[in-house]
């Protein structure tokens, strides 16, 4: 707030009142003189004495008026000085108030800045919490995937142990010589005895093969709808897929495609079997004999 500016109107009013009193005194004195001259019949010397008295009285009045004027001027000077001092004090107070208002405004601005920084910090904290939650979820998924990989590793070891057992139990004298050309695999088989046998063919990618899908079911559905390898051994053979999770792009990739043919009858001696296939991609091919039980002679 700003204090009102002081004024000295009361000084002027005081000066006017003193002059009115002085004029009234002069008028009253003049009237008395006129009445004395008009109504009194006295000797001239008496009038002269009275006039001297009146003149003396007027002198005193004039002296009083001068003194009163001097006193009035002195008081007016003091009032002016007081007014100036008061105005200066008012100005100082107003300046102090202005400074205080400026400091209050600056403080408000600083508080607004602190509030903005606090809001920004809260936003960053919320973002960090979200990222932490996401990392926690990913860590859980990774743990699940590691568990799955461990289970698959155990399953693979079991399969290898089974294969080792079967290879150890192969009939003596069975020799398989594979050869292949574009789209064909030719198996030259020499068997000492007549028997029924099937073949397991594994197509392993020689380069990375992503499915670009982040769920197992969706990846398998896409692969069965458009197989990257088609195989025919007497008739079309359905492939089975081994997939693994890649943390690089968070999708499933192809690890292996395996086919098991139907059993086929081998006579003692030399046999030739042909398997056709088509691929989209580059693979290495592993062929393993599978010994079947039962009396089926197979269809190819």
Protein backbone atom coordinates (compact mmCIF):
# COMPACT_ATOMS: atom_id res chain seq x y z
CA UNK A 1 0.00 0.00 0.00
CA UNK A 2 1.02 3.69 -0.36
CA UNK A 3 0.49 6.28 2.36
CA UNK A 4 -1.27 9.58 1.35
CA UNK A 5 0.83 12.65 0.62
CA UNK A 6 0.81 15.20 3.46
CA UNK A 7 -0.44 18.80 2.87
CA UNK A 8 -0.29 22.00 4.89
CA UNK A 9 -3.80 23.42 4.42
CA UNK A 10 -4.14 23.83 8.18
CA UNK A 11 -1.12 26.20 8.08
CA UNK A 12 -2.88 28.56 5.74
CA UNK A 13 -6.08 28.46 7.79
CA UNK A 14 -4.14 29.41 10.92
CA UNK A 15 -2.59 32.43 9.17
CA UNK A 16 -5.99 33.75 8.00
CA UNK A 17 -7.50 33.50 11.48
CA UNK A 18 -4.71 35.67 13.01
CA UNK A 19 -5.17 38.42 10.42
CA UNK A 20 -8.91 38.46 11.03
CA UNK A 21 -8.30 39.01 14.73
CA UNK A 22 -5.87 41.87 14.01
CA UNK A 23 -8.30 43.59 11.61
CA UNK A 24 -11.11 43.24 14.14
CA UNK A 25 -8.96 44.91 16.78
CA UNK A 26 -8.17 47.84 14.44
CA UNK A 27 -11.86 48.31 13.58
CA UNK A 28 -12.92 48.24 17.22
CA UNK A 29 -10.23 50.76 18.15
CA UNK A 30 -11.22 53.09 15.31
CA UNK A 31 -14.88 52.89 16.33
CA UNK A 32 -14.02 53.75 19.92
CA UNK A 33 -12.00 56.77 18.76
CA UNK A 34 -14.84 58.01 16.60
CA UNK A 35 -17.35 57.66 19.45
CA UNK A 36 -15.06 59.50 21.80
CA UNK A 37 -14.57 62.34 19.33
CA UNK A 38 -18.26 62.57 18.47
CA UNK A 39 -19.92 62.21 21.89
CA UNK A 40 -17.51 63.76 24.32
CA UNK A 41 -17.23 67.53 24.76
CA UNK A 42 -13.91 67.94 26.34
CA UNK A 43 -11.07 70.39 26.03
CA UNK A 44 -8.74 70.11 23.09
CA UNK A 45 -5.88 69.12 25.36
CA UNK A 46 -7.96 66.28 26.67
CA UNK A 47 -8.62 65.14 23.11
CA UNK A 48 -4.95 65.39 22.35
CA UNK A 49 -4.11 63.26 25.37
CA UNK A 50 -6.73 60.73 24.40
CA UNK A 51 -5.46 60.72 20.85
CA UNK A 52 -1.95 60.11 22.15
CA UNK A 53 -3.28 57.28 24.22
CA UNK A 54 -5.07 55.89 21.20
CA UNK A 55 -1.93 56.27 19.09
CA UNK A 56 0.06 54.52 21.78
CA UNK A 57 -2.57 51.79 21.84
CA UNK A 58 -2.34 51.53 18.04
CA UNK A 59 1.43 51.36 18.31
CA UNK A 60 1.06 48.55 20.79
CA UNK A 61 -1.46 46.89 18.52
CA UNK A 62 0.93 47.27 15.57
CA UNK A 63 3.73 45.89 17.68
CA UNK A 64 1.48 43.05 18.74
CA UNK A 65 0.50 42.49 15.13
CA UNK A 66 4.16 42.42 14.07
CA UNK A 67 4.97 40.03 16.87
CA UNK A 68 1.96 37.97 15.97
CA UNK A 69 3.03 37.93 12.30
CA UNK A 70 6.54 36.95 13.29
CA UNK A 71 5.16 34.22 15.49
CA UNK A 72 2.83 33.11 12.70
CA UNK A 73 5.70 33.01 10.22
CA UNK A 74 7.77 31.03 12.70
CA UNK A 75 4.93 28.58 13.25
CA UNK A 76 4.31 28.32 9.52
CA UNK A 77 8.01 27.61 9.01
CA UNK A 78 7.88 24.93 11.65
CA UNK A 79 4.70 23.50 10.12
CA UNK A 80 6.35 23.50 6.65
CA UNK A 81 9.40 21.80 8.11
CA UNK A 82 7.19 19.30 9.94
CA UNK A 83 5.20 18.74 6.74
CA UNK A 84 8.39 18.13 4.74
CA UNK A 85 9.77 15.81 7.42
CA UNK A 86 6.45 13.97 7.58
CA UNK A 87 6.30 13.71 3.80
CA UNK A 88 9.87 12.40 3.76
CA UNK A 89 8.92 9.84 6.36
CA UNK A 90 5.85 8.92 4.31
CA UNK A 91 8.09 8.57 1.23
CA UNK A 92 10.51 6.37 3.19
CA UNK A 93 7.64 4.22 4.40
CA UNK A 94 6.22 4.00 0.88
CA UNK A 95 9.65 3.04 -0.46
CA UNK A 96 9.94 0.37 2.22
CA UNK A 97 6.48 -0.93 1.31
CA UNK A 98 7.44 -0.97 -2.38
CA UNK A 99 10.62 -2.88 -1.57
CA UNK A 100 8.63 -5.33 0.54
CA UNK A 101 6.08 -5.81 -2.25
CA UNK A 102 8.91 -6.44 -4.74
CA UNK A 103 10.49 -8.98 -2.40
CA UNK A 104 7.10 -10.65 -1.86
CA UNK A 105 6.60 -10.84 -5.65
CA UNK A 106 10.09 -12.30 -6.07
CA UNK A 107 9.40 -14.79 -3.29
CA UNK A 108 6.16 -15.83 -5.02
CA UNK A 109 8.04 -16.27 -8.30
CA UNK A 110 10.72 -18.34 -6.54
CA UNK A 111 8.04 -20.49 -4.88
CA UNK A 112 6.36 -21.00 -8.27
CA UNK A 113 9.72 -22.15 -9.67
CA UNK A 114 10.20 -24.53 -6.74
CA UNK A 115 6.69 -25.90 -7.30
CA UNK A 116 7.42 -26.46 -11.00
CA UNK A 117 10.65 -28.26 -10.12
CA UNK A 118 8.79 -30.38 -7.57
CA UNK A 119 6.18 -31.32 -10.19
CA UNK A 120 8.93 -32.20 -12.67
CA UNK A 121 10.64 -34.32 -10.03
CA UNK A 122 7.36 -36.14 -9.31
CA UNK A 123 6.88 -36.80 -13.04
CA UNK A 124 10.42 -38.16 -13.30
CA UNK A 125 9.86 -40.29 -10.20
CA UNK A 126 6.63 -41.72 -11.65
CA UNK A 127 8.44 -42.44 -14.94
CA UNK A 128 11.28 -44.15 -13.07
CA UNK A 129 8.77 -46.26 -11.12
CA UNK A 130 7.09 -47.30 -14.38
CA UNK A 131 10.46 -48.25 -15.86
CA UNK A 132 11.32 -50.17 -12.70
CA UNK A 133 8.00 -52.04 -12.87
CA UNK A 134 8.67 -52.83 -16.54
CA UNK A 135 12.14 -54.13 -15.72
CA UNK A 136 10.62 -56.26 -12.97
CA UNK A 137 8.12 -57.74 -15.43
CA UNK A 138 10.86 -58.41 -17.98
CA UNK A 139 13.00 -60.00 -15.30
CA UNK A 140 10.08 -62.30 -14.41
CA UNK A 141 9.61 -63.19 -18.09
CA UNK A 142 13.33 -63.85 -18.46
CA UNK A 143 13.24 -66.11 -15.42
CA UNK A 144 10.31 -68.02 -16.93
CA UNK A 145 12.13 -68.29 -20.24
CA UNK A 146 15.29 -69.53 -18.52
CA UNK A 147 13.17 -72.14 -16.77
CA UNK A 148 11.69 -73.17 -20.15
CA UNK A 149 15.16 -73.35 -21.71
CA UNK A 150 16.37 -75.45 -18.79
CA UNK A 151 13.40 -77.78 -19.22
CA UNK A 152 14.08 -78.05 -22.96
CA UNK A 153 17.73 -78.74 -22.24
CA UNK A 154 16.68 -81.55 -19.93
CA UNK A 155 14.32 -82.83 -22.64
CA UNK A 156 17.10 -82.64 -25.25
CA UNK A 157 19.44 -84.58 -22.99
CA UNK A 158 16.77 -87.22 -22.53
CA UNK A 159 16.31 -87.44 -26.32
CA UNK A 160 20.05 -87.73 -26.84
CA UNK A 161 20.25 -90.47 -24.23
CA UNK A 162 17.40 -92.30 -25.98
CA UNK A 163 19.11 -91.89 -29.36
CA UNK A 164 22.35 -93.18 -27.92
CA UNK A 165 20.52 -96.24 -26.62
CA UNK A 166 18.85 -96.83 -29.98
CA UNK A 167 22.07 -96.38 -31.92
CA UNK A 168 23.72 -98.86 -29.62
CA UNK A 169 20.91 -101.31 -30.42
CA UNK A 170 21.15 -101.00 -34.22
CA UNK A 171 21.14 -104.21 -36.08
CA UNK A 172 24.62 -105.19 -37.21
CA UNK A 173 25.52 -104.49 -40.79
CA UNK A 174 23.05 -101.55 -41.36
CA UNK A 175 24.77 -98.91 -43.44
CA UNK A 176 23.12 -95.69 -44.63
CA UNK A 177 24.81 -93.41 -47.13
CA UNK A 178 22.86 -90.18 -47.77
CA UNK A 179 23.33 -87.87 -50.73
CA UNK A 180 21.35 -84.91 -51.83
CA UNK A 181 20.80 -82.58 -54.73
CA UNK A 182 18.44 -79.68 -55.10
CA UNK A 183 15.20 -80.77 -53.43
CA UNK A 184 16.08 -84.48 -53.17
CA UNK A 185 17.68 -86.70 -50.53
CA UNK A 186 18.73 -90.15 -51.68
CA UNK A 187 19.39 -92.80 -49.04
CA UNK A 188 21.48 -95.76 -50.12
CA UNK A 189 20.89 -98.42 -47.47
CA UNK A 190 22.61 -101.77 -47.03
CA UNK A 191 20.83 -104.00 -44.54
CA UNK A 192 22.00 -107.45 -43.52
CA UNK A 193 18.44 -108.40 -42.55
CA UNK A 194 14.93 -107.49 -43.69
CA UNK A 195 13.44 -104.95 -41.34
CA UNK A 196 11.09 -101.93 -41.09
CA UNK A 197 12.66 -98.60 -40.35
CA UNK A 198 11.71 -94.89 -40.24
CA UNK A 199 13.92 -91.85 -40.53
CA UNK A 200 14.17 -88.68 -38.42
CA UNK A 201 15.31 -85.62 -40.38
CA UNK A 202 16.36 -82.44 -38.54
CA UNK A 203 16.58 -79.16 -40.45
CA UNK A 204 18.70 -76.71 -38.43
CA UNK A 205 18.92 -73.08 -39.67
CA UNK A 206 22.44 -71.97 -40.55
CA UNK A 207 21.42 -68.34 -39.96
CA UNK A 208 19.03 -66.63 -37.56
CA UNK A 209 15.35 -67.20 -38.39
CA UNK A 210 13.00 -64.94 -36.36
CA UNK A 211 9.27 -65.49 -36.44
CA UNK A 212 8.63 -61.78 -35.58
CA UNK A 213 5.95 -62.96 -33.13
CA UNK A 214 6.17 -62.61 -29.35
CA UNK A 215 3.84 -65.46 -28.30
CA UNK A 216 4.47 -69.20 -28.73
CA UNK A 217 0.98 -70.06 -29.98
CA UNK A 218 0.96 -67.27 -32.57
CA UNK A 219 4.44 -68.26 -33.79
CA UNK A 220 3.48 -71.94 -34.21
CA UNK A 221 0.21 -71.03 -35.93
CA UNK A 222 2.12 -68.90 -38.43
CA UNK A 223 4.71 -71.63 -39.07
CA UNK A 224 2.14 -74.36 -39.63
CA UNK A 225 0.21 -72.07 -41.96
CA UNK A 226 3.33 -71.34 -44.06
CA UNK A 227 6.06 -73.93 -43.26
CA UNK A 228 9.62 -72.86 -44.13
CA UNK A 229 10.37 -76.56 -44.91
CA UNK A 230 8.04 -79.01 -46.69
CA UNK A 231 9.03 -82.68 -46.76
CA UNK A 232 7.60 -85.74 -48.57
CA UNK A 233 8.65 -89.31 -47.77
CA UNK A 234 6.08 -91.35 -49.66
CA UNK A 235 3.56 -88.75 -48.49
CA UNK A 236 3.72 -85.32 -46.87
CA UNK A 237 5.27 -85.37 -43.40
CA UNK A 238 4.31 -82.86 -40.73
CA UNK A 239 7.23 -81.02 -39.14
CA UNK A 240 7.64 -80.17 -35.46
CA UNK A 241 9.26 -76.89 -34.38
CA UNK A 242 11.67 -76.08 -31.60
CA UNK A 243 11.55 -72.33 -30.85
CA UNK A 244 13.62 -70.17 -28.55
CA UNK A 245 13.05 -66.68 -27.14
CA UNK A 246 15.44 -63.93 -28.24
CA UNK A 247 15.99 -61.00 -25.92
CA UNK A 248 17.37 -59.00 -28.86
CA UNK A 249 13.98 -58.36 -30.46
CA UNK A 250 11.66 -60.00 -27.85
CA UNK A 251 10.27 -62.55 -30.36
CA UNK A 252 10.52 -66.30 -30.92
CA UNK A 253 13.14 -67.69 -33.32
CA UNK A 254 13.36 -71.10 -35.02
CA UNK A 255 15.90 -73.45 -33.46
CA UNK A 256 15.06 -76.70 -35.24
CA UNK A 257 12.46 -78.32 -37.54
CA UNK A 258 12.20 -82.10 -37.19
CA UNK A 259 10.33 -84.69 -39.31
CA UNK A 260 9.79 -88.40 -38.62
CA UNK A 261 8.80 -90.45 -41.66
CA UNK A 262 6.51 -93.44 -41.67
CA UNK A 263 8.19 -96.79 -41.50
CA UNK A 264 9.49 -98.31 -44.72
CA UNK A 265 10.36 -101.95 -45.43
CA UNK A 266 14.00 -102.80 -46.10
CA UNK A 267 15.01 -106.05 -47.68
CA UNK A 268 18.23 -107.78 -46.87
CA UNK A 269 20.91 -106.29 -49.03
CA UNK A 270 20.87 -103.02 -50.97
CA UNK A 271 17.95 -100.57 -50.75
CA UNK A 272 17.37 -97.09 -52.13
CA UNK A 273 14.94 -94.57 -50.64
CA UNK A 274 14.23 -91.04 -51.95
CA UNK A 275 12.89 -88.13 -49.89
CA UNK A 276 11.90 -84.81 -51.47
CA UNK A 277 11.88 -81.45 -49.73
CA UNK A 278 11.63 -77.69 -50.37
CA UNK A 279 12.90 -74.90 -48.13
CA UNK A 280 12.85 -71.14 -47.76
CA UNK A 281 16.09 -70.45 -45.97
CA UNK A 282 19.41 -72.14 -45.39
CA UNK A 283 19.59 -75.32 -43.28
CA UNK A 284 21.88 -78.18 -42.36
CA UNK A 285 20.18 -81.58 -42.50
CA UNK A 286 20.74 -84.40 -40.02
CA UNK A 287 19.33 -87.92 -40.74
CA UNK A 288 18.84 -90.52 -38.03
CA UNK A 289 17.28 -94.01 -38.39
CA UNK A 290 14.36 -94.75 -36.09
CA UNK A 291 13.59 -98.40 -35.29
CA UNK A 292 9.89 -99.19 -35.02
CA UNK A 293 8.08 -101.96 -33.22
CA UNK A 294 5.24 -104.00 -34.66
CA UNK A 295 4.76 -105.75 -37.99
CA UNK A 296 3.90 -102.79 -40.27
CA UNK A 297 5.86 -102.82 -43.53
CA UNK A 298 5.37 -99.12 -44.09
CA UNK A 299 4.08 -97.31 -47.19
CA UNK A 300 7.18 -96.18 -49.05
